[in-house]
Amino acid sequence: MEEKQLVPAISLRDFESRRDIITKELVDACEHAGFLKLVDHGITREEIEAQFAISKAYFDLPLDVKARIPHDVKTNNGWEYKSQLRPSTNAIDQKESFWLMKNSQWPSDEEVPGFRKTTSQFMAKCERISDQVLSCLSVALGFEEDYFRKAMDVNAEDSLTQLRLLHYMASEKGAAGTWRAGTHTDIGCLTLLFQRDGEDGLEICPGRESCHSYGIGDTFTPLSAETGPIVVNIGDMLMAWSDDRLKANFHRVRAKEVGPSPDRYSIAYFNTGRKNVVMQGPKKT
């Protein structure tokens, strides 16, 4: 199936007046592929490019500077470098990333000028878009409109929602020797993914009824990278929360089959249920 048929582009233009139409389009996509693209979402191309510039400036720092905020396994915040070993590939993902939350440790302005201001504003915009999408899904599942917003409140002390800056290193090998990110599903609720023009590599495996066997033997479809549209996918938590109605499907990031692959940068905003929230599906009483 072609990418456009598999991953529909959904416009958030005139959100309030078109809420019913948008809700239907979101649910249709989430019940099948589990992936979609958002357009007319209110974050400009210039704002996205500015956040990518901040991200690159951070990853360009010397290793010892980035290591000042090491990854904390208890909070899942901080910088990690080639640390994820995927069961699906039995290989380490060839990437580095920086996880952060509103109340976690951030790089200083001396290290990356403008990091906090630009990133805070970007996260606020991601929060607004997430609230729009999640309010539609809340109603479609039979919950109150603000149900998921409260369950994933980023201002709560037990919030687990995070932003992740990612850098996949350039590779001289082909895909057979380099897994940038092995096959996986996201563990949270709803992911917003930002990519840059020409930095391809994301592949998705849609249409599974459940998550098992890492999609081995199934068909993966490349999803071209664009600056502007936001790739959205359902995570394991929301799949369970919806009584499996909304699908969390496998995806991966691969280097090119032949020849060198350039650096790839992406930014992911992971909406996740708060630590103390009880997940109760709509069919439960």
Protein backbone atom coordinates (compact mmCIF):
# COMPACT_ATOMS: atom_id res chain seq x y z
CA MET A 1 0.00 0.00 0.00
CA GLU A 2 1.24 3.51 -0.82
CA GLU A 3 2.31 5.82 1.98
CA LYS A 4 -0.50 8.34 1.39
CA GLN A 5 -3.14 5.62 1.61
CA LEU A 6 -1.54 4.00 4.63
CA VAL A 7 -0.80 7.13 6.67
CA PRO A 8 -3.51 9.75 6.10
CA ALA A 9 -2.81 13.46 6.44
CA ILE A 10 -5.31 15.03 8.84
CA SER A 11 -5.78 18.79 9.00
CA LEU A 12 -6.38 20.51 12.35
CA ARG A 13 -7.50 23.69 10.57
CA ASP A 14 -10.55 25.34 12.21
CA PHE A 15 -10.36 22.72 14.93
CA GLU A 16 -13.41 23.69 17.00
CA SER A 17 -15.79 24.02 14.06
CA ARG A 18 -14.49 20.80 12.45
CA ARG A 19 -14.07 18.75 15.63
CA ASP A 20 -16.52 16.00 14.61
CA ILE A 21 -14.88 15.54 11.19
CA ILE A 22 -11.40 15.55 12.70
CA THR A 23 -12.44 13.03 15.35
CA LYS A 24 -13.73 10.61 12.73
CA GLU A 25 -10.54 10.92 10.67
CA LEU A 26 -8.34 10.40 13.75
CA VAL A 27 -10.26 7.34 14.91
CA ASP A 28 -10.25 5.77 11.43
CA ALA A 29 -6.46 6.13 11.26
CA CYS A 30 -5.83 4.97 14.82
CA GLU A 31 -8.03 1.89 14.46
CA HIS A 32 -6.08 0.68 11.44
CA ALA A 33 -2.54 1.83 10.70
CA GLY A 34 -2.08 3.42 14.12
CA PHE A 35 -0.14 6.15 12.30
CA LEU A 36 -1.18 9.47 10.78
CA LYS A 37 0.25 12.84 9.81
CA LEU A 38 -1.02 16.14 11.22
CA VAL A 39 -0.99 19.24 9.03
CA ASP A 40 -2.29 22.77 9.70
CA HIS A 41 -1.41 22.14 13.34
CA GLY A 42 -0.20 25.61 14.25
CA ILE A 43 3.55 25.07 14.58
CA THR A 44 5.29 26.88 11.75
CA ARG A 45 8.12 25.46 9.69
CA GLU A 46 10.37 28.18 11.10
CA GLU A 47 9.57 27.14 14.67
CA ILE A 48 10.30 23.50 13.87
CA GLU A 49 13.58 24.42 12.20
CA ALA A 50 14.53 26.57 15.21
CA GLN A 51 14.00 23.62 17.55
CA PHE A 52 16.06 21.36 15.30
CA ALA A 53 18.83 23.97 15.32
CA ILE A 54 18.81 23.92 19.13
CA SER A 55 18.87 20.12 19.10
CA LYS A 56 21.83 19.99 16.72
CA ALA A 57 23.70 22.58 18.78
CA TYR A 58 23.25 20.35 21.82
CA PHE A 59 24.43 17.18 20.07
CA ASP A 60 27.42 19.06 18.65
CA LEU A 61 28.69 19.64 22.20
CA PRO A 62 31.75 17.64 23.34
CA LEU A 63 30.91 14.28 24.88
CA ASP A 64 32.14 15.34 28.31
CA VAL A 65 29.79 18.34 28.30
CA LYS A 66 26.76 16.25 27.35
CA ALA A 67 27.77 13.75 30.03
CA ARG A 68 27.16 16.40 32.70
CA ILE A 69 23.50 15.40 32.53
CA PRO A 70 23.72 11.59 32.28
CA HIS A 71 20.68 9.43 31.67
CA ASP A 72 18.93 8.58 34.94
CA VAL A 73 17.22 5.19 34.73
CA LYS A 74 14.84 6.12 37.56
CA THR A 75 13.44 9.21 35.86
CA ASN A 76 14.38 8.34 32.26
CA ASN A 77 15.75 11.87 31.82
CA GLY A 78 19.16 12.97 30.55
CA TRP A 79 21.62 12.12 27.78
CA GLU A 80 22.15 8.58 26.57
CA TYR A 81 24.63 7.39 23.95
CA LYS A 82 24.25 4.12 22.04
CA SER A 83 22.62 2.58 25.09
CA GLN A 84 19.44 0.90 23.82
CA LEU A 85 19.79 -2.80 23.08
CA ARG A 86 16.78 -3.97 21.07
CA PRO A 87 15.49 -7.53 21.56
CA SER A 88 14.18 -7.35 17.98
CA THR A 89 17.69 -7.01 16.53
CA ASN A 90 19.97 -8.03 19.41
CA ALA A 91 21.93 -4.93 18.46
CA ILE A 92 22.48 -1.50 19.98
CA ASP A 93 20.61 1.37 18.34
CA GLN A 94 23.07 3.68 16.59
CA LYS A 95 21.86 6.92 18.11
CA GLU A 96 22.15 9.33 20.99
CA SER A 97 19.28 11.16 22.62
CA PHE A 98 18.37 13.64 25.31
CA TRP A 99 15.21 13.08 27.37
CA LEU A 100 13.68 15.97 29.27
CA MET A 101 10.62 17.09 31.19
CA LYS A 102 9.54 20.46 32.55
CA ASN A 103 11.13 19.76 35.93
CA SER A 104 14.22 17.81 34.83
CA GLN A 105 17.78 19.10 34.44
CA TRP A 106 18.35 21.09 31.23
CA PRO A 107 21.52 22.30 29.49
CA SER A 108 22.50 25.82 30.49
CA ASP A 109 22.33 28.83 28.17
CA GLU A 110 26.11 28.95 28.38
CA GLU A 111 26.26 25.48 26.83
CA VAL A 112 23.44 25.95 24.30
CA PRO A 113 22.22 29.57 24.00
CA GLY A 114 18.43 29.73 23.93
CA PHE A 115 17.92 26.06 24.76
CA ARG A 116 15.39 26.50 27.59
CA LYS A 117 13.39 29.32 26.01
CA THR A 118 13.07 27.73 22.57
CA THR A 119 12.44 24.22 23.88
CA SER A 120 9.91 25.33 26.51
CA GLN A 121 7.91 27.17 23.87
CA PHE A 122 8.10 24.17 21.55
CA MET A 123 6.91 21.80 24.28
CA ALA A 124 3.97 24.08 25.04
CA LYS A 125 2.91 23.91 21.40
CA CYS A 126 3.22 20.10 21.45
CA GLU A 127 1.07 20.04 24.57
CA ARG A 128 -1.65 22.08 22.86
CA ILE A 129 -1.73 19.82 19.80
CA SER A 130 -1.71 16.72 21.98
CA ASP A 131 -4.67 18.06 23.96
CA GLN A 132 -6.63 18.56 20.74
CA VAL A 133 -5.98 15.03 19.48
CA LEU A 134 -6.49 13.37 22.85
CA SER A 135 -9.75 15.25 23.48
CA CYS A 136 -11.11 13.81 20.23
CA LEU A 137 -10.01 10.30 21.15
CA SER A 138 -11.43 10.70 24.67
CA VAL A 139 -14.90 11.43 23.34
CA ALA A 140 -14.68 8.70 20.69
CA LEU A 141 -13.88 6.15 23.40
CA GLY A 142 -16.78 7.26 25.59
CA PHE A 143 -14.81 9.28 28.13
CA GLU A 144 -15.24 12.93 29.09
CA GLU A 145 -13.54 15.35 26.71
CA ASP A 146 -10.81 16.27 29.22
CA TYR A 147 -10.26 12.72 30.48
CA PHE A 148 -6.88 12.13 28.81
CA ARG A 149 -5.75 15.71 29.39
CA LYS A 150 -6.14 15.19 33.13
CA ALA A 151 -4.60 11.71 32.95
CA MET A 152 -1.51 13.12 31.22
CA ASP A 153 -1.34 16.53 32.90
CA VAL A 154 2.22 17.77 32.29
CA ASN A 155 1.99 20.13 35.27
CA ALA A 156 1.24 17.35 37.76
CA GLU A 157 4.04 16.19 40.07
CA ASP A 158 3.69 12.62 38.79
CA SER A 159 3.75 13.58 35.09
CA LEU A 160 5.66 11.18 32.82
CA THR A 161 5.20 13.04 29.51
CA GLN A 162 8.57 13.82 27.90
CA LEU A 163 10.32 15.42 24.96
CA ARG A 164 13.14 13.45 23.36
CA LEU A 165 15.75 14.95 21.06
CA LEU A 166 17.34 12.30 18.83
CA HIS A 167 20.47 12.12 16.70
CA TYR A 168 21.21 9.09 14.53
CA MET A 169 24.87 9.16 13.59
CA ALA A 170 25.99 9.09 9.98
CA SER A 171 26.84 5.59 8.80
CA GLU A 172 29.20 4.32 6.12
CA LYS A 173 27.47 0.92 6.10
CA GLY A 174 24.23 -0.17 4.51
CA ALA A 175 21.12 -1.17 6.44
CA ALA A 176 22.30 -4.75 6.76
CA GLY A 177 24.95 -3.63 9.21
CA THR A 178 23.32 -0.63 10.88
CA TRP A 179 20.10 -0.52 12.86
CA ARG A 180 19.42 3.06 13.81
CA ALA A 181 16.44 1.95 15.89
CA GLY A 182 15.32 -1.67 15.97
CA THR A 183 11.69 -2.72 15.59
CA HIS A 184 9.55 -1.60 18.52
CA THR A 185 6.28 -0.06 19.64
CA ASP A 186 6.16 3.04 21.83
CA ILE A 187 5.24 2.28 25.43
CA GLY A 188 3.34 5.51 26.13
CA CYS A 189 0.02 6.83 24.85
CA LEU A 190 0.51 9.18 21.93
CA THR A 191 3.72 10.17 20.14
CA LEU A 192 4.26 13.33 18.09
CA LEU A 193 7.29 12.93 15.82
CA PHE A 194 9.02 15.76 13.97
CA GLN A 195 11.43 15.00 11.11
CA ARG A 196 13.55 17.00 8.64
CA ASP A 197 13.36 16.99 4.85
CA GLY A 198 15.48 14.25 3.30
CA GLU A 199 16.44 12.50 6.54
CA ASP A 200 14.50 9.32 5.81
CA GLY A 201 14.74 5.95 7.51
CA LEU A 202 11.49 5.55 9.45
CA GLU A 203 9.55 2.42 8.45
CA ILE A 204 6.18 1.30 9.79
CA CYS A 205 4.41 -2.05 9.98
CA PRO A 206 0.68 -1.33 10.22
CA GLY A 207 -2.43 -3.42 10.59
CA ARG A 208 -1.41 -5.83 13.34
CA GLU A 209 -4.09 -6.96 15.78
CA SER A 210 -1.55 -7.16 18.60
CA CYS A 211 2.10 -6.51 19.30
CA HIS A 212 4.19 -9.66 19.11
CA SER A 213 7.23 -11.16 17.37
CA TYR A 214 8.53 -7.68 16.47
CA GLY A 215 6.81 -7.75 13.08
CA ILE A 216 9.27 -10.36 11.83
CA GLY A 217 8.17 -11.52 8.39
CA ASP A 218 5.76 -8.65 7.93
CA THR A 219 5.96 -5.82 5.43
CA PHE A 220 7.47 -2.52 6.56
CA THR A 221 6.64 0.61 4.59
CA PRO A 222 9.13 3.52 4.42
CA LEU A 223 7.70 6.83 5.59
CA SER A 224 9.38 9.79 3.94
CA ALA A 225 10.71 12.54 6.22
CA GLU A 226 9.27 16.04 5.84
CA THR A 227 9.77 19.26 7.76
CA GLY A 228 6.32 20.44 8.83
CA PRO A 229 3.87 17.53 9.05
CA ILE A 230 3.84 15.77 12.43
CA VAL A 231 3.87 11.96 12.38
CA VAL A 232 1.56 10.68 15.12
CA ASN A 233 1.34 7.13 16.40
CA ILE A 234 -0.48 5.24 19.14
CA GLY A 235 1.54 3.69 21.97
CA ASP A 236 1.03 0.50 23.97
CA MET A 237 -0.55 2.34 26.90
CA LEU A 238 -3.31 3.93 24.81
CA MET A 239 -3.91 0.67 22.96
CA ALA A 240 -4.56 -1.03 26.30
CA TRP A 241 -6.55 1.96 27.59
CA SER A 242 -8.85 1.74 24.55
CA ASP A 243 -9.41 -2.01 25.01
CA ASP A 244 -7.23 -2.59 21.92
CA ARG A 245 -9.45 -0.47 19.69
CA LEU A 246 -6.61 1.92 18.87
CA LYS A 247 -3.52 0.19 17.48
CA ALA A 248 0.08 0.49 18.60
CA ASN A 249 2.03 -0.83 15.64
CA PHE A 250 5.65 -1.66 15.00
CA HIS A 251 8.12 0.80 13.53
CA ARG A 252 11.89 1.07 13.12
CA VAL A 253 14.59 3.33 11.72
CA ARG A 254 17.04 1.89 9.20
CA ALA A 255 20.10 3.17 7.42
CA LYS A 256 20.13 3.09 3.62
CA GLU A 257 20.35 -0.31 1.97
CA VAL A 258 23.36 0.76 -0.08
CA GLY A 259 25.99 3.39 0.55
CA PRO A 260 26.46 5.87 3.38
CA SER A 261 23.59 7.36 5.38
CA PRO A 262 23.84 10.97 6.57
CA ASP A 263 23.04 12.14 10.07
CA ARG A 264 19.36 11.98 10.96
CA TYR A 265 17.73 14.21 13.56
CA SER A 266 14.22 13.83 14.93
CA ILE A 267 12.21 15.14 17.86
CA ALA A 268 9.60 13.07 19.68
CA TYR A 269 7.00 14.26 22.18
CA PHE A 270 5.75 11.30 24.21
CA ASN A 271 2.37 11.74 25.90
CA THR A 272 2.25 9.27 28.77
CA GLY A 273 -0.26 8.62 31.55
CA ARG A 274 0.72 10.03 34.94
CA LYS A 275 2.42 7.69 37.38
CA ASN A 276 -0.53 7.55 39.79
CA VAL A 277 -3.34 7.36 37.22
CA VAL A 278 -5.37 4.15 37.10
CA MET A 279 -5.81 2.92 33.53
CA GLN A 280 -9.39 1.74 33.09
CA GLY A 281 -10.66 0.85 29.62
CA PRO A 282 -14.13 1.97 28.48
CA LYS A 283 -15.45 -1.61 28.57
CA LYS A 284 -14.52 -2.03 32.25
CA THR A 285 -17.07 -1.39 34.99
